[in-house]
Amino acid sequence: MFQSKTLLSTALVATFGFLALVSAPAQAASSGTINFSGKVLADTCTIAVNGGATVTLPTVMTAAFGSTVGTTAGDTPFTVALSGCDTNTASAQMAFSGGNIDNTSGDLTNTAASGSNVRIRLLDSSDQAINTKTGVNAPNIAVANGSGSTQMKAQYISTATATTAGLVTSSVNFTLTYQ
């Protein structure tokens, strides 16, 4: 008998709990629409830097830097050209990466053994310094009819009051985000 009272009590509690949930008034809900649009592009563009992949900076003398940190020399223009792009591509935003990027300035560190104490700075087509770490002033290349290009510059920049003689080499990776 004790067992049947427990089962009956349990059944009554479950029933009242269910009825309490069922009898709760329904809440009105707002509704809306989400619209989507996008673009699917064919494979990426063909990229050429000065017709190849290397930008050769000129030989400069240490005296060109004087005794001030941040003095630049050896401005060297180069072109990043895109061709064979999907004709629906409107632009390509550059972003830089790699282990040779100075964390503070965004300039490229000199990796040459026994090299000079200079870095390499990149400039956009308006001669604004590109911070390759943060992407500030990174070029956005306009693309029309499957091709586009941007003009850039590379230059040496001194990192000490007395610039030393030596080799200069560096590199930076870049990616393009197509729109």
Protein backbone atom coordinates (compact mmCIF):
# COMPACT_ATOMS: atom_id res chain seq x y z
CA MET A 1 0.00 0.00 0.00
CA PHE A 2 2.88 2.33 0.80
CA GLN A 3 4.28 1.74 -2.66
CA SER A 4 1.00 2.58 -4.44
CA LYS A 5 0.67 5.87 -2.48
CA THR A 6 4.19 6.87 -3.55
CA LEU A 7 3.41 6.10 -7.19
CA LEU A 8 0.12 8.00 -6.98
CA SER A 9 1.82 11.01 -5.37
CA THR A 10 4.56 11.00 -8.00
CA ALA A 11 2.00 10.82 -10.80
CA LEU A 12 0.00 13.74 -9.34
CA VAL A 13 3.14 15.94 -8.98
CA ALA A 14 4.15 15.18 -12.57
CA THR A 15 0.64 15.94 -13.84
CA PHE A 16 0.38 19.27 -11.99
CA GLY A 17 3.88 20.26 -13.18
CA PHE A 18 2.91 19.50 -16.79
CA LEU A 19 -0.35 21.45 -16.49
CA ALA A 20 1.52 24.45 -15.07
CA LEU A 21 3.78 24.51 -18.13
CA VAL A 22 0.92 23.98 -20.60
CA SER A 23 -1.25 26.72 -19.13
CA ALA A 24 1.51 29.39 -19.33
CA PRO A 25 0.47 32.13 -21.79
CA ALA A 26 2.35 32.23 -25.12
CA GLN A 27 4.73 35.13 -25.68
CA ALA A 28 4.48 37.19 -28.87
CA ALA A 29 7.64 37.02 -31.01
CA SER A 30 9.06 39.60 -33.39
CA SER A 31 10.07 38.40 -36.81
CA GLY A 32 12.43 39.65 -39.48
CA THR A 33 14.28 38.74 -42.62
CA ILE A 34 17.95 38.02 -43.16
CA ASN A 35 19.14 38.67 -46.68
CA PHE A 36 22.36 37.20 -48.08
CA SER A 37 24.53 38.12 -51.04
CA GLY A 38 27.98 37.03 -52.10
CA LYS A 39 30.36 36.34 -54.91
CA VAL A 40 32.29 33.26 -55.99
CA LEU A 41 35.44 34.03 -57.92
CA ALA A 42 37.61 31.82 -60.09
CA ASP A 43 41.15 31.05 -58.96
CA THR A 44 43.37 33.91 -57.89
CA CYS A 45 45.19 36.38 -60.10
CA THR A 46 48.71 35.98 -61.42
CA ILE A 47 51.02 38.28 -59.44
CA ALA A 48 54.25 39.88 -60.65
CA VAL A 49 56.55 42.17 -58.65
CA ASN A 50 58.57 44.26 -61.10
CA GLY A 51 58.04 41.49 -63.63
CA GLY A 52 59.57 38.94 -61.22
CA ALA A 53 59.81 38.76 -57.44
CA THR A 54 62.91 40.72 -56.40
CA VAL A 55 63.29 44.44 -55.80
CA THR A 56 66.94 45.50 -55.94
CA LEU A 57 67.74 48.60 -53.90
CA PRO A 58 70.64 50.80 -55.00
CA THR A 59 74.02 50.94 -53.31
CA VAL A 60 74.17 53.95 -50.99
CA MET A 61 76.95 55.41 -48.86
CA THR A 62 76.75 55.52 -45.04
CA ALA A 63 77.06 59.32 -45.23
CA ALA A 64 73.60 59.44 -46.90
CA PHE A 65 72.06 58.73 -43.48
CA GLY A 66 73.85 61.42 -41.50
CA SER A 67 73.61 61.00 -37.73
CA THR A 68 69.85 60.87 -37.26
CA VAL A 69 67.88 57.70 -36.55
CA GLY A 70 65.07 57.31 -39.08
CA THR A 71 66.86 58.91 -42.04
CA THR A 72 65.94 57.28 -45.35
CA ALA A 73 67.89 56.75 -48.57
CA GLY A 74 67.74 54.72 -51.76
CA ASP A 75 64.07 55.17 -52.72
CA THR A 76 63.32 52.41 -55.22
CA PRO A 77 59.97 52.31 -57.03
CA PHE A 78 58.43 48.97 -57.95
CA THR A 79 55.12 47.67 -59.26
CA VAL A 80 52.86 44.90 -58.00
CA ALA A 81 50.82 43.84 -61.03
CA LEU A 82 47.84 41.49 -61.20
CA SER A 83 46.67 39.77 -64.36
CA GLY A 84 44.37 36.93 -65.29
CA CYS A 85 41.95 37.79 -62.49
CA ASP A 86 38.31 36.75 -62.57
CA THR A 87 36.48 39.58 -64.36
CA ASN A 88 34.16 39.90 -61.33
CA THR A 89 37.10 40.89 -59.13
CA ALA A 90 36.88 44.58 -58.23
CA SER A 91 39.88 44.95 -55.91
CA ALA A 92 42.58 43.15 -53.97
CA GLN A 93 43.64 44.24 -50.47
CA MET A 94 47.28 43.49 -49.53
CA ALA A 95 48.23 42.13 -46.10
CA PHE A 96 51.77 41.32 -44.99
CA SER A 97 53.25 38.62 -42.75
CA GLY A 98 56.53 36.97 -41.88
CA GLY A 99 59.33 36.80 -39.36
CA ASN A 100 61.26 39.80 -40.73
CA ILE A 101 58.72 42.42 -39.65
CA ASP A 102 59.80 44.78 -36.87
CA ASN A 103 57.07 44.70 -34.21
CA THR A 104 57.26 48.42 -33.46
CA SER A 105 57.75 50.17 -36.80
CA GLY A 106 56.41 47.56 -39.22
CA ASP A 107 59.60 48.01 -41.28
CA LEU A 108 61.50 44.95 -42.53
CA THR A 109 64.53 43.87 -40.51
CA ASN A 110 67.89 43.29 -42.15
CA THR A 111 68.66 39.56 -42.13
CA ALA A 112 72.12 39.71 -43.76
CA ALA A 113 74.91 38.26 -41.65
CA SER A 114 77.31 41.11 -40.76
CA GLY A 115 74.80 43.43 -42.40
CA SER A 116 74.25 47.14 -42.06
CA ASN A 117 72.16 48.51 -39.22
CA VAL A 118 69.34 49.66 -41.48
CA ARG A 119 65.86 48.31 -42.13
CA ILE A 120 63.77 48.40 -45.30
CA ARG A 121 60.63 50.51 -45.30
CA LEU A 122 57.80 50.07 -47.80
CA LEU A 123 55.79 53.03 -49.08
CA ASP A 124 52.41 53.10 -50.83
CA SER A 125 51.68 54.97 -54.07
CA SER A 126 51.20 58.20 -52.06
CA ASP A 127 54.62 57.84 -50.39
CA GLN A 128 53.01 56.94 -47.05
CA ALA A 129 54.94 54.43 -44.93
CA ILE A 130 53.29 51.01 -44.84
CA ASN A 131 53.28 49.36 -41.44
CA THR A 132 53.53 45.73 -42.52
CA LYS A 133 52.73 44.61 -38.95
CA THR A 134 49.40 46.45 -38.57
CA GLY A 135 48.46 46.89 -42.24
CA VAL A 136 48.24 50.70 -41.99
CA ASN A 137 48.56 52.13 -45.54
CA ALA A 138 48.66 48.65 -47.10
CA PRO A 139 47.64 48.99 -50.76
CA ASN A 140 44.18 48.17 -52.05
CA ILE A 141 44.68 47.35 -55.73
CA ALA A 142 41.83 48.32 -58.07
CA VAL A 143 41.08 45.55 -60.58
CA ALA A 144 39.23 46.08 -63.88
CA ASN A 145 38.81 43.66 -66.76
CA GLY A 146 40.92 41.05 -64.97
CA SER A 147 44.00 43.16 -64.20
CA GLY A 148 45.31 45.90 -61.95
CA SER A 149 48.48 47.22 -60.37
CA THR A 150 49.84 49.45 -57.66
CA GLN A 151 53.03 51.46 -57.43
CA MET A 152 55.10 51.08 -54.28
CA LYS A 153 58.56 52.07 -53.07
CA ALA A 154 61.20 50.47 -50.90
CA GLN A 155 63.87 52.46 -49.07
CA TYR A 156 66.58 52.01 -46.48
CA ILE A 157 65.91 53.56 -43.05
CA SER A 158 68.62 54.04 -40.42
CA THR A 159 68.21 52.45 -37.00
CA ALA A 160 71.18 54.14 -35.28
CA THR A 161 72.94 57.51 -35.24
CA ALA A 162 75.95 55.91 -36.96
CA THR A 163 74.98 53.77 -39.92
CA THR A 164 77.36 50.89 -40.56
CA ALA A 165 78.44 49.49 -43.91
CA GLY A 166 77.23 46.02 -44.81
CA LEU A 167 74.82 43.98 -46.88
CA VAL A 168 71.06 44.36 -46.67
CA THR A 169 68.58 41.57 -47.33
CA SER A 170 65.05 40.96 -46.19
CA SER A 171 61.77 39.54 -47.37
CA VAL A 172 58.09 39.76 -46.53
CA ASN A 173 55.15 37.55 -47.40
CA PHE A 174 51.92 39.05 -48.62
CA THR A 175 48.43 37.85 -49.29
CA LEU A 176 45.69 39.39 -51.35
CA THR A 177 42.05 39.40 -50.31
CA TYR A 178 39.91 39.68 -53.43
CA GLN A 179 36.63 41.57 -53.49
